[in-house]
């Protein structure tokens, strides 16, 4: 190989190296990613690191409702109970019964066994939302109704989280899924709000908001696709303020302390649609 050919070859190699370096730097620092492509599991070490899909998270959340309280290892001696012989959450009502042409009910509801105004308010709300509904189905409903009610309860870092889920199908109406949650600090004897969880776990509100938006926008897009094929859908107002984490009211901490933010649209209308964001 003569000198001229060697020089040309060196120049080509140098050019290729420069291009490779440029492409690497560009990909590292300048590539723009849309919100829907962001991997929120990487953005913050505080956000769940698994790679499960939105639908898998929703299904795993539903699987939590086993009518059990998980917190027996906690010292309850300093908690003033209504019934000292029972744990701070137990099965307060169990009703499993069928009546031909009237109803098929399988329901287990929790009793929060803590003395005081806060827990009393929780139990009263359970009565209003769920027990009264059961009584209405049994005594007054004029359409065949299938009803399933269950709960889950966890104690993490002195915070008791209880969630009740009801699935109700009344006659020709669409199936309705309702979810009510309670979060209570057993040390301070106070309600726990989403802001308390964010502060306790040092979470980033901006990151959570992006994840909420991503999940809700994806669900809205999927629903729109189904509507185009003739299905009736629940339409989300993706610009609503309720999708700001500071407005979240329905949430629990799960078995490993993970935060579930819950949008159960059946709380307001006849739909089984829900969005579950796991942090």
Foldseek 3Di string as FASTA:
>chain_A
DDPVVVVVVVVVVVVVVVVVVVVVVCVVPPDDDDLLPDDLLPPDVLADNDDDDQVVVVVVVVVQFPQDAPDVVDDCPPFAWPDPVDDQKHFPDFDADDDPQQEGEGETDIQRGGDDDQSVVVVVVCCVPPVVVVVCSVPPAPGYKYKYKTKHWYADPQKIKIKIWMWMDGHPFAIFIDMDMFIARRVVRDGDALVNVCVVSVHDQVSQLSQLLNQVVVVQVVQVVVVVVPDDGDHDPSPDPCSRSNNQDDWGQDPVRWIWGKDRVSNPPRDRDIGIDID
